[in-house]
């Protein structure tokens, strides 16, 4: 299993062989060291703990005995961006941007009321929330509320380019989080 932790830097664009531009996100992923190995027999689950400076991060694994796990599951092994290759499909996990308390139009994509035909001061209100016989608001009802700030995973993100001398990996498209947020990249 390939794994590294990095910081989201910025979005830019890169040009493919056919001349078309594609959006990419740059992630600065400095080398990390495997500081602890958790096993199913001893701890009840399998995981690797990596460290860089004073930061420690633990990632759970399906198994420590995978075919592409050669060498990285040893205590003290260094993980760099060089373990990934251009074209690899990776899984990204990060915390999305926090938006605070938002209405139904922004949070759930409600289209709101029309701006004519007698609608006055109710253009962005959610409208009816269901039948009147229940006499309460049902749980899970889509309404205004706190938006963002949650852990989001994206699967199948393509690695566009790798710069091992700068510890930068370029990933296709946008990834969750703000600039400087922690990003877990695994394959």
N, C-alpha and C. Protein backbone atom coordinates (compact mmCIF):
# COMPACT_ATOMS: atom_id res chain seq x y z
N UNK A 1 0.84 -1.19 0.00
CA UNK A 1 0.00 0.00 0.00
C UNK A 1 0.88 1.24 0.00
N UNK A 2 0.60 2.16 -0.91
CA UNK A 2 1.33 3.41 -0.97
C UNK A 2 0.56 4.45 -0.15
N UNK A 3 1.30 5.26 0.61
CA UNK A 3 0.65 6.25 1.47
C UNK A 3 1.60 7.39 1.76
N UNK A 4 1.06 8.61 1.79
CA UNK A 4 1.84 9.77 2.21
C UNK A 4 0.87 10.87 2.66
N UNK A 5 1.37 11.75 3.50
CA UNK A 5 0.60 12.88 4.01
C UNK A 5 1.23 14.16 3.47
N UNK A 6 0.40 15.10 3.02
CA UNK A 6 0.93 16.35 2.49
C UNK A 6 0.03 17.53 2.80
N UNK A 7 0.44 18.71 2.33
CA UNK A 7 -0.35 19.93 2.49
C UNK A 7 -0.78 20.43 1.12
N UNK A 8 -2.04 20.78 1.01
CA UNK A 8 -2.56 21.32 -0.24
C UNK A 8 -1.93 22.68 -0.49
N UNK A 9 -1.40 22.89 -1.70
CA UNK A 9 -0.73 24.14 -2.02
C UNK A 9 -1.62 25.07 -2.83
N UNK A 10 -1.89 24.70 -4.06
CA UNK A 10 -2.66 25.57 -4.94
C UNK A 10 -3.17 24.78 -6.13
N UNK A 11 -4.08 25.40 -6.88
CA UNK A 11 -4.53 24.81 -8.13
C UNK A 11 -3.87 25.54 -9.29
N UNK A 12 -3.61 24.82 -10.34
CA UNK A 12 -3.02 25.38 -11.55
C UNK A 12 -3.48 24.53 -12.72
N UNK A 13 -2.85 24.71 -13.86
CA UNK A 13 -3.19 23.86 -15.00
C UNK A 13 -1.92 23.34 -15.65
N UNK A 14 -2.03 22.16 -16.22
CA UNK A 14 -0.93 21.55 -16.95
C UNK A 14 -1.44 21.14 -18.32
N UNK A 15 -0.54 21.10 -19.29
CA UNK A 15 -0.93 20.78 -20.65
C UNK A 15 -0.57 19.33 -20.95
N UNK A 16 -1.54 18.62 -21.55
CA UNK A 16 -1.33 17.23 -21.93
C UNK A 16 -0.55 17.17 -23.24
N UNK A 17 -0.27 15.96 -23.68
CA UNK A 17 0.47 15.74 -24.92
C UNK A 17 -0.27 16.32 -26.13
N UNK A 18 -1.62 16.25 -26.11
CA UNK A 18 -2.39 16.75 -27.26
C UNK A 18 -2.63 18.26 -27.20
N UNK A 19 -2.08 18.94 -26.19
CA UNK A 19 -2.18 20.39 -26.11
C UNK A 19 -3.34 20.91 -25.28
N UNK A 20 -4.21 20.03 -24.78
CA UNK A 20 -5.34 20.48 -23.97
C UNK A 20 -4.89 20.71 -22.53
N UNK A 21 -5.44 21.75 -21.92
CA UNK A 21 -5.12 22.06 -20.53
C UNK A 21 -6.03 21.27 -19.61
N UNK A 22 -5.47 20.78 -18.50
CA UNK A 22 -6.29 20.10 -17.50
C UNK A 22 -5.97 20.68 -16.13
N UNK A 23 -7.00 20.88 -15.29
CA UNK A 23 -6.78 21.46 -13.97
C UNK A 23 -6.12 20.46 -13.03
N UNK A 24 -5.17 20.92 -12.24
CA UNK A 24 -4.48 20.07 -11.27
C UNK A 24 -4.36 20.81 -9.94
N UNK A 25 -4.25 20.03 -8.88
CA UNK A 25 -3.97 20.56 -7.55
C UNK A 25 -2.59 20.08 -7.13
N UNK A 26 -1.77 20.99 -6.65
CA UNK A 26 -0.43 20.64 -6.19
C UNK A 26 -0.45 20.38 -4.70
N UNK A 27 0.15 19.26 -4.29
CA UNK A 27 0.23 18.89 -2.87
C UNK A 27 1.71 18.74 -2.51
N UNK A 28 2.13 19.47 -1.48
CA UNK A 28 3.49 19.37 -0.98
C UNK A 28 3.54 18.24 0.04
N UNK A 29 4.23 17.16 -0.30
CA UNK A 29 4.28 15.96 0.55
C UNK A 29 5.73 15.66 0.88
N UNK A 30 6.22 16.27 1.94
CA UNK A 30 7.59 16.03 2.38
C UNK A 30 7.73 14.59 2.86
N UNK A 31 8.93 14.01 2.84
CA UNK A 31 9.10 12.63 3.28
C UNK A 31 8.68 12.42 4.73
N UNK A 32 8.02 11.30 4.99
CA UNK A 32 7.60 10.93 6.34
C UNK A 32 8.24 9.59 6.70
N UNK A 33 8.36 9.35 7.99
CA UNK A 33 9.00 8.13 8.47
C UNK A 33 7.97 7.27 9.19
N UNK A 34 8.01 5.97 8.95
CA UNK A 34 7.12 5.03 9.65
C UNK A 34 7.62 4.91 11.08
N UNK A 35 6.79 5.38 12.04
CA UNK A 35 7.24 5.41 13.43
C UNK A 35 6.62 4.30 14.28
N UNK A 36 5.51 3.72 13.83
CA UNK A 36 4.84 2.68 14.61
C UNK A 36 4.02 1.80 13.68
N UNK A 37 4.04 0.52 13.93
CA UNK A 37 3.24 -0.43 13.15
C UNK A 37 2.28 -1.14 14.10
N UNK A 38 1.00 -1.01 13.81
CA UNK A 38 -0.02 -1.69 14.62
C UNK A 38 -0.47 -2.94 13.88
N UNK A 39 -0.57 -4.04 14.62
CA UNK A 39 -0.96 -5.32 14.02
C UNK A 39 -2.29 -5.78 14.60
N UNK A 40 -2.94 -6.65 13.85
CA UNK A 40 -4.24 -7.17 14.27
C UNK A 40 -4.12 -8.02 15.53
N UNK A 41 -3.03 -8.77 15.65
CA UNK A 41 -2.85 -9.65 16.81
C UNK A 41 -2.64 -8.85 18.10
N UNK A 42 -1.88 -7.78 18.01
CA UNK A 42 -1.51 -7.01 19.19
C UNK A 42 -2.51 -5.90 19.53
N UNK A 43 -2.97 -5.16 18.50
CA UNK A 43 -3.80 -3.98 18.73
C UNK A 43 -5.25 -4.14 18.31
N UNK A 44 -5.59 -5.20 17.58
CA UNK A 44 -6.96 -5.40 17.13
C UNK A 44 -7.25 -4.81 15.76
N UNK A 45 -6.30 -4.10 15.19
CA UNK A 45 -6.44 -3.56 13.84
C UNK A 45 -5.06 -3.34 13.26
N UNK A 46 -5.00 -3.18 11.94
CA UNK A 46 -3.70 -2.96 11.30
C UNK A 46 -3.61 -1.50 10.87
N UNK A 47 -2.48 -0.87 11.17
CA UNK A 47 -2.29 0.53 10.83
C UNK A 47 -0.81 0.86 10.83
N UNK A 48 -0.50 1.96 10.13
CA UNK A 48 0.84 2.53 10.15
C UNK A 48 0.75 3.92 10.76
N UNK A 49 1.70 4.25 11.61
CA UNK A 49 1.79 5.61 12.12
C UNK A 49 3.03 6.24 11.50
N UNK A 50 2.83 7.40 10.87
CA UNK A 50 3.94 8.09 10.23
C UNK A 50 4.20 9.39 10.98
N UNK A 51 5.45 9.86 10.87
CA UNK A 51 5.79 11.09 11.57
C UNK A 51 6.68 11.96 10.69
N UNK A 52 6.47 13.26 10.86
CA UNK A 52 7.34 14.27 10.26
C UNK A 52 7.43 15.41 11.26
N UNK A 53 8.63 15.71 11.70
CA UNK A 53 8.87 16.69 12.76
C UNK A 53 8.09 16.27 14.00
N UNK A 54 7.15 17.08 14.46
CA UNK A 54 6.37 16.73 15.66
C UNK A 54 4.99 16.21 15.31
N UNK A 55 4.65 16.13 14.03
CA UNK A 55 3.34 15.68 13.61
C UNK A 55 3.32 14.16 13.45
N UNK A 56 2.33 13.52 14.04
CA UNK A 56 2.13 12.07 13.87
C UNK A 56 0.76 11.84 13.27
N UNK A 57 0.69 10.88 12.34
CA UNK A 57 -0.57 10.58 11.66
C UNK A 57 -0.67 9.08 11.50
N UNK A 58 -1.85 8.54 11.75
CA UNK A 58 -2.04 7.10 11.65
C UNK A 58 -3.04 6.80 10.54
N UNK A 59 -2.71 5.80 9.74
CA UNK A 59 -3.61 5.38 8.67
C UNK A 59 -3.87 3.89 8.83
N UNK A 60 -5.15 3.55 8.75
CA UNK A 60 -5.53 2.14 8.86
C UNK A 60 -5.32 1.44 7.54
N UNK A 61 -4.90 0.19 7.61
CA UNK A 61 -4.65 -0.62 6.43
C UNK A 61 -5.56 -1.82 6.44
N UNK A 62 -5.83 -2.36 5.26
CA UNK A 62 -6.60 -3.59 5.18
C UNK A 62 -5.76 -4.76 5.67
N UNK A 63 -4.51 -4.78 5.23
CA UNK A 63 -3.61 -5.85 5.60
C UNK A 63 -2.18 -5.37 5.46
N UNK A 64 -1.31 -5.87 6.30
CA UNK A 64 0.11 -5.54 6.21
C UNK A 64 0.83 -6.45 5.23
N UNK A 65 0.12 -7.41 4.66
CA UNK A 65 0.75 -8.39 3.79
C UNK A 65 0.23 -8.26 2.36
N UNK A 66 0.30 -7.06 1.78
CA UNK A 66 -0.13 -6.88 0.40
C UNK A 66 1.07 -6.99 -0.53
N UNK A 67 0.81 -7.24 -1.80
CA UNK A 67 1.88 -7.44 -2.77
C UNK A 67 2.72 -6.18 -2.98
N UNK A 68 2.06 -5.00 -3.00
CA UNK A 68 2.81 -3.78 -3.25
C UNK A 68 3.28 -3.13 -1.95
N UNK A 69 3.38 -3.90 -0.89
CA UNK A 69 3.79 -3.35 0.40
C UNK A 69 5.26 -3.63 0.68
N UNK A 70 6.03 -3.89 -0.33
CA UNK A 70 7.44 -4.25 -0.12
C UNK A 70 8.22 -3.08 0.42
N UNK A 71 8.73 -3.24 1.62
CA UNK A 71 9.63 -2.26 2.20
C UNK A 71 9.00 -1.12 2.96
N UNK A 72 7.74 -0.78 2.73
CA UNK A 72 7.19 0.38 3.43
C UNK A 72 6.63 0.01 4.80
N UNK A 73 6.43 -1.27 5.05
CA UNK A 73 5.88 -1.68 6.33
C UNK A 73 6.98 -2.06 7.31
N UNK A 74 8.11 -1.41 7.22
CA UNK A 74 9.19 -1.63 8.16
C UNK A 74 9.34 -0.39 9.02
N UNK A 75 9.63 -0.59 10.29
CA UNK A 75 9.82 0.52 11.20
C UNK A 75 11.02 1.35 10.76
N UNK A 76 10.84 2.66 10.65
CA UNK A 76 11.92 3.55 10.23
C UNK A 76 12.01 3.77 8.74
N UNK A 77 11.15 3.12 7.93
CA UNK A 77 11.18 3.32 6.48
C UNK A 77 10.71 4.74 6.15
N UNK A 78 11.29 5.33 5.12
CA UNK A 78 10.93 6.68 4.69
C UNK A 78 10.01 6.60 3.48
N UNK A 79 8.89 7.32 3.56
CA UNK A 79 7.91 7.35 2.48
C UNK A 79 8.01 8.69 1.77
N UNK A 80 8.18 8.67 0.44
CA UNK A 80 8.28 9.88 -0.35
C UNK A 80 7.28 9.85 -1.50
N UNK A 81 7.21 10.95 -2.26
CA UNK A 81 6.30 10.99 -3.40
C UNK A 81 6.77 10.09 -4.53
N UNK A 82 8.02 9.64 -4.48
CA UNK A 82 8.56 8.78 -5.54
C UNK A 82 7.88 7.42 -5.60
N UNK A 83 7.17 7.02 -4.54
CA UNK A 83 6.49 5.72 -4.56
C UNK A 83 5.28 5.73 -5.51
N UNK A 84 4.78 6.93 -5.86
CA UNK A 84 3.68 7.04 -6.80
C UNK A 84 4.22 7.22 -8.21
N UNK A 85 3.43 6.87 -9.20
CA UNK A 85 3.82 7.01 -10.60
C UNK A 85 2.76 7.81 -11.34
N UNK A 86 3.15 8.45 -12.42
CA UNK A 86 2.21 9.20 -13.24
C UNK A 86 1.17 8.24 -13.79
N UNK A 87 -0.10 8.59 -13.63
CA UNK A 87 -1.19 7.75 -14.11
C UNK A 87 -1.82 6.89 -13.02
N UNK A 88 -1.19 6.82 -11.84
CA UNK A 88 -1.77 6.06 -10.73
C UNK A 88 -3.12 6.65 -10.33
N UNK A 89 -4.02 5.79 -9.88
CA UNK A 89 -5.30 6.23 -9.32
C UNK A 89 -5.17 6.16 -7.81
N UNK A 90 -5.41 7.27 -7.12
CA UNK A 90 -5.21 7.33 -5.68
C UNK A 90 -6.50 7.75 -4.99
N UNK A 91 -6.54 7.55 -3.68
CA UNK A 91 -7.64 7.99 -2.84
C UNK A 91 -7.17 9.17 -2.02
N UNK A 92 -7.95 10.23 -2.01
CA UNK A 92 -7.63 11.45 -1.29
C UNK A 92 -8.58 11.58 -0.12
N UNK A 93 -8.07 11.96 1.05
CA UNK A 93 -8.91 12.23 2.21
C UNK A 93 -8.45 13.54 2.84
N UNK A 94 -9.40 14.44 3.09
CA UNK A 94 -9.10 15.73 3.67
C UNK A 94 -10.36 16.29 4.31
N UNK A 95 -10.21 17.38 5.05
CA UNK A 95 -11.35 18.06 5.66
C UNK A 95 -11.77 19.19 4.73
N UNK A 96 -13.07 19.21 4.37
CA UNK A 96 -13.56 20.21 3.42
C UNK A 96 -13.62 21.59 4.06
N UNK A 97 -13.74 22.61 3.21
CA UNK A 97 -13.83 23.98 3.70
C UNK A 97 -15.10 24.16 4.52
N UNK A 98 -14.99 24.86 5.63
CA UNK A 98 -16.16 25.15 6.47
C UNK A 98 -16.87 26.37 5.92
N UNK A 99 -18.17 26.28 5.77
CA UNK A 99 -18.96 27.39 5.22
C UNK A 99 -19.84 28.05 6.28
N UNK A 100 -19.88 27.50 7.50
CA UNK A 100 -20.74 28.06 8.54
C UNK A 100 -22.19 27.67 8.33
N UNK A 101 -23.09 28.45 8.90
CA UNK A 101 -24.53 28.19 8.79
C UNK A 101 -25.02 28.71 7.45
N UNK A 102 -25.58 27.82 6.62
CA UNK A 102 -26.03 28.20 5.28
C UNK A 102 -27.49 27.82 5.08
N UNK A 103 -28.13 28.51 4.16
CA UNK A 103 -29.53 28.23 3.83
C UNK A 103 -29.65 27.02 2.92
N UNK A 104 -30.89 26.67 2.62
CA UNK A 104 -31.17 25.49 1.81
C UNK A 104 -30.71 25.62 0.37
N UNK A 105 -30.69 26.84 -0.18
CA UNK A 105 -30.30 27.03 -1.57
C UNK A 105 -28.82 26.68 -1.74
N UNK A 106 -27.96 27.17 -0.86
CA UNK A 106 -26.53 26.89 -0.98
C UNK A 106 -26.20 25.49 -0.48
N UNK A 107 -26.82 25.07 0.61
CA UNK A 107 -26.45 23.79 1.24
C UNK A 107 -26.94 22.59 0.46
N UNK A 108 -28.16 22.64 -0.08
CA UNK A 108 -28.73 21.47 -0.74
C UNK A 108 -29.08 21.70 -2.20
N UNK A 109 -28.88 22.91 -2.71
CA UNK A 109 -29.16 23.18 -4.11
C UNK A 109 -30.62 23.43 -4.43
N UNK A 110 -31.43 23.84 -3.44
CA UNK A 110 -32.81 24.19 -3.74
C UNK A 110 -32.82 25.37 -4.70
N UNK A 111 -33.80 25.42 -5.60
CA UNK A 111 -33.80 26.49 -6.58
C UNK A 111 -34.53 27.73 -6.10
N UNK A 112 -35.27 27.67 -5.00
CA UNK A 112 -35.97 28.83 -4.49
C UNK A 112 -37.24 29.10 -5.28
N UNK A 113 -37.94 30.16 -4.89
CA UNK A 113 -39.20 30.51 -5.54
C UNK A 113 -38.93 31.41 -6.74
N UNK A 114 -39.94 31.56 -7.59
CA UNK A 114 -39.78 32.44 -8.74
C UNK A 114 -39.72 33.88 -8.27
N UNK A 115 -39.19 34.75 -9.11
CA UNK A 115 -39.05 36.14 -8.69
C UNK A 115 -40.25 36.99 -9.09
N UNK A 116 -41.27 36.36 -9.68
CA UNK A 116 -42.49 37.09 -10.08
C UNK A 116 -43.70 36.33 -9.58
N UNK A 117 -44.84 36.65 -10.12
CA UNK A 117 -46.11 35.98 -9.83
C UNK A 117 -46.46 36.00 -8.34
N UNK A 118 -46.35 37.15 -7.74
CA UNK A 118 -46.82 37.33 -6.37
C UNK A 118 -45.87 36.89 -5.28
N UNK A 119 -44.66 36.46 -5.60
CA UNK A 119 -43.71 36.06 -4.57
C UNK A 119 -43.08 37.32 -4.01
N UNK A 120 -43.20 37.48 -2.69
CA UNK A 120 -42.66 38.67 -2.06
C UNK A 120 -41.85 38.26 -0.84
N UNK A 121 -40.57 38.56 -0.82
CA UNK A 121 -39.66 38.32 0.31
C UNK A 121 -39.47 36.84 0.62
N UNK A 122 -39.67 35.96 -0.33
CA UNK A 122 -39.53 34.53 -0.06
C UNK A 122 -38.77 33.82 -1.18
N UNK A 123 -37.81 34.51 -1.79
CA UNK A 123 -37.15 33.96 -2.97
C UNK A 123 -36.22 32.79 -2.65
N UNK A 124 -35.61 32.78 -1.47
CA UNK A 124 -34.65 31.72 -1.13
C UNK A 124 -35.13 30.83 0.02
N UNK A 125 -36.41 30.83 0.30
CA UNK A 125 -36.94 29.98 1.35
C UNK A 125 -37.17 28.56 0.83
N UNK A 126 -37.10 27.56 1.73
CA UNK A 126 -37.18 26.16 1.28
C UNK A 126 -38.56 25.71 0.83
N UNK A 127 -39.61 26.35 1.24
CA UNK A 127 -40.94 25.91 0.85
C UNK A 127 -41.51 24.91 1.84
N UNK A 128 -42.42 24.06 1.40
CA UNK A 128 -43.07 23.10 2.26
C UNK A 128 -42.10 22.00 2.69
N UNK A 129 -42.26 21.52 3.93
CA UNK A 129 -41.37 20.45 4.41
C UNK A 129 -42.09 19.12 4.58
N UNK A 130 -43.27 18.99 4.04
CA UNK A 130 -43.93 17.69 4.07
C UNK A 130 -45.38 17.78 4.49
N UNK A 131 -45.97 16.61 4.69
CA UNK A 131 -47.39 16.51 5.04
C UNK A 131 -47.64 17.06 6.44
N UNK A 132 -48.86 17.54 6.67
CA UNK A 132 -49.20 18.16 7.95
C UNK A 132 -49.68 17.18 9.00
N UNK A 133 -49.95 15.94 8.62
CA UNK A 133 -50.51 14.98 9.57
C UNK A 133 -49.50 14.45 10.57
N UNK A 134 -48.23 14.63 10.33
CA UNK A 134 -47.21 14.07 11.20
C UNK A 134 -47.01 14.95 12.45
N UNK A 135 -47.23 16.23 12.32
CA UNK A 135 -47.15 17.21 13.40
C UNK A 135 -45.74 17.38 13.98
N UNK A 136 -44.74 17.07 13.19
CA UNK A 136 -43.36 17.31 13.62
C UNK A 136 -42.47 17.32 12.38
N UNK A 137 -41.25 17.76 12.57
CA UNK A 137 -40.28 17.74 11.48
C UNK A 137 -39.58 16.39 11.52
N UNK A 138 -39.59 15.67 10.41
CA UNK A 138 -38.96 14.36 10.36
C UNK A 138 -37.44 14.49 10.38
N UNK A 139 -36.77 13.52 11.00
CA UNK A 139 -35.31 13.55 11.06
C UNK A 139 -34.72 13.38 9.66
N UNK A 140 -33.60 14.07 9.43
CA UNK A 140 -32.94 13.99 8.13
C UNK A 140 -33.52 14.92 7.10
N UNK A 141 -34.47 15.76 7.49
CA UNK A 141 -35.07 16.72 6.57
C UNK A 141 -34.02 17.71 6.08
N UNK A 142 -33.98 17.95 4.79
CA UNK A 142 -32.99 18.87 4.24
C UNK A 142 -33.42 20.30 4.53
N UNK A 143 -32.67 20.97 5.38
CA UNK A 143 -32.98 22.33 5.78
C UNK A 143 -31.68 23.13 5.90
N UNK A 144 -31.82 24.37 6.30
CA UNK A 144 -30.65 25.20 6.55
C UNK A 144 -29.87 24.61 7.72
N UNK A 145 -28.54 24.82 7.73
CA UNK A 145 -27.73 24.30 8.81
C UNK A 145 -26.25 24.47 8.53
N UNK A 146 -25.45 23.87 9.38
CA UNK A 146 -24.00 23.98 9.27
C UNK A 146 -23.52 23.19 8.06
N UNK A 147 -22.63 23.81 7.28
CA UNK A 147 -22.18 23.21 6.03
C UNK A 147 -20.66 23.14 6.00
N UNK A 148 -20.13 22.02 5.54
CA UNK A 148 -18.69 21.87 5.38
C UNK A 148 -17.99 21.47 6.66
N UNK A 149 -16.66 21.47 6.62
CA UNK A 149 -15.88 21.11 7.80
C UNK A 149 -15.93 19.64 8.13
N UNK A 150 -16.20 18.79 7.14
CA UNK A 150 -16.30 17.35 7.36
C UNK A 150 -15.21 16.62 6.58
N UNK A 151 -14.85 15.44 7.04
CA UNK A 151 -13.86 14.64 6.34
C UNK A 151 -14.47 14.09 5.05
N UNK A 152 -13.79 14.35 3.94
CA UNK A 152 -14.28 13.94 2.63
C UNK A 152 -13.22 13.07 1.97
N UNK A 153 -13.64 11.97 1.37
CA UNK A 153 -12.73 11.09 0.62
C UNK A 153 -13.11 11.10 -0.84
N UNK A 154 -12.10 11.10 -1.69
CA UNK A 154 -12.31 11.01 -3.14
C UNK A 154 -11.51 9.84 -3.66
N UNK A 155 -12.15 8.96 -4.41
CA UNK A 155 -11.47 7.80 -4.97
C UNK A 155 -11.20 8.02 -6.44
N UNK A 156 -10.16 7.38 -6.94
CA UNK A 156 -9.89 7.38 -8.36
C UNK A 156 -9.30 8.67 -8.90
N UNK A 157 -8.65 9.47 -8.04
CA UNK A 157 -8.02 10.70 -8.50
C UNK A 157 -6.71 10.33 -9.19
N UNK A 158 -6.50 10.86 -10.40
CA UNK A 158 -5.34 10.50 -11.19
C UNK A 158 -4.14 11.36 -10.85
N UNK A 159 -2.96 10.73 -10.74
CA UNK A 159 -1.71 11.45 -10.55
C UNK A 159 -1.26 11.95 -11.92
N UNK A 160 -1.16 13.28 -12.06
CA UNK A 160 -0.79 13.88 -13.34
C UNK A 160 0.72 13.98 -13.48
N UNK A 161 1.40 14.40 -12.41
CA UNK A 161 2.85 14.55 -12.48
C UNK A 161 3.43 14.47 -11.08
N UNK A 162 4.71 14.16 -11.01
CA UNK A 162 5.42 14.07 -9.74
C UNK A 162 6.73 14.83 -9.87
N UNK A 163 7.04 15.62 -8.84
CA UNK A 163 8.31 16.36 -8.78
C UNK A 163 9.05 15.92 -7.52
N UNK A 164 9.84 14.83 -7.58
CA UNK A 164 10.48 14.29 -6.37
C UNK A 164 11.50 15.23 -5.74
N UNK A 165 12.17 16.06 -6.56
CA UNK A 165 13.16 16.97 -5.99
C UNK A 165 12.52 18.09 -5.18
N UNK A 166 11.24 18.43 -5.47
CA UNK A 166 10.52 19.46 -4.73
C UNK A 166 9.49 18.88 -3.77
N UNK A 167 9.35 17.54 -3.74
CA UNK A 167 8.35 16.84 -2.90
C UNK A 167 6.93 17.27 -3.23
N UNK A 168 6.63 17.45 -4.51
CA UNK A 168 5.31 17.88 -4.94
C UNK A 168 4.70 16.80 -5.82
N UNK A 169 3.39 16.57 -5.61
CA UNK A 169 2.63 15.65 -6.45
C UNK A 169 1.45 16.44 -7.01
N UNK A 170 1.22 16.33 -8.32
CA UNK A 170 0.13 17.03 -8.99
C UNK A 170 -1.02 16.06 -9.21
N UNK A 171 -2.22 16.41 -8.70
CA UNK A 171 -3.40 15.55 -8.78
C UNK A 171 -4.45 16.20 -9.67
N UNK A 172 -5.16 15.39 -10.44
CA UNK A 172 -6.15 15.88 -11.39
C UNK A 172 -7.33 16.50 -10.67
N UNK A 173 -7.72 17.71 -11.06
CA UNK A 173 -8.91 18.37 -10.54
C UNK A 173 -8.73 18.97 -9.17
N UNK A 174 -9.83 19.40 -8.59
CA UNK A 174 -9.82 19.99 -7.26
C UNK A 174 -9.96 18.92 -6.19
N UNK A 175 -9.38 19.17 -5.05
CA UNK A 175 -9.50 18.25 -3.92
C UNK A 175 -10.06 19.02 -2.74
N UNK A 176 -10.71 18.36 -1.78
CA UNK A 176 -11.34 19.07 -0.68
C UNK A 176 -10.34 19.76 0.24
N UNK A 177 -10.78 20.85 0.86
CA UNK A 177 -9.96 21.56 1.81
C UNK A 177 -9.46 22.88 1.30
N UNK A 178 -8.97 23.70 2.22
CA UNK A 178 -8.40 24.99 1.87
C UNK A 178 -6.90 24.85 1.69
N UNK A 179 -6.24 25.91 1.24
CA UNK A 179 -4.79 25.89 1.09
C UNK A 179 -4.15 25.66 2.45
N UNK A 180 -3.18 24.76 2.49
CA UNK A 180 -2.51 24.46 3.73
C UNK A 180 -3.16 23.35 4.55
N UNK A 181 -4.30 22.83 4.09
CA UNK A 181 -4.96 21.75 4.84
C UNK A 181 -4.24 20.43 4.61
N UNK A 182 -4.35 19.55 5.57
CA UNK A 182 -3.68 18.26 5.54
C UNK A 182 -4.41 17.31 4.59
N UNK A 183 -3.68 16.64 3.71
CA UNK A 183 -4.25 15.74 2.72
C UNK A 183 -3.58 14.38 2.85
N UNK A 184 -4.38 13.32 2.94
CA UNK A 184 -3.87 11.95 2.95
C UNK A 184 -4.01 11.38 1.54
N UNK A 185 -2.91 10.87 1.00
CA UNK A 185 -2.91 10.28 -0.34
C UNK A 185 -2.53 8.82 -0.19
N UNK A 186 -3.40 7.92 -0.68
CA UNK A 186 -3.11 6.49 -0.59
C UNK A 186 -3.53 5.81 -1.88
N UNK A 187 -2.87 4.70 -2.17
CA UNK A 187 -3.19 3.94 -3.36
C UNK A 187 -3.28 2.46 -3.03
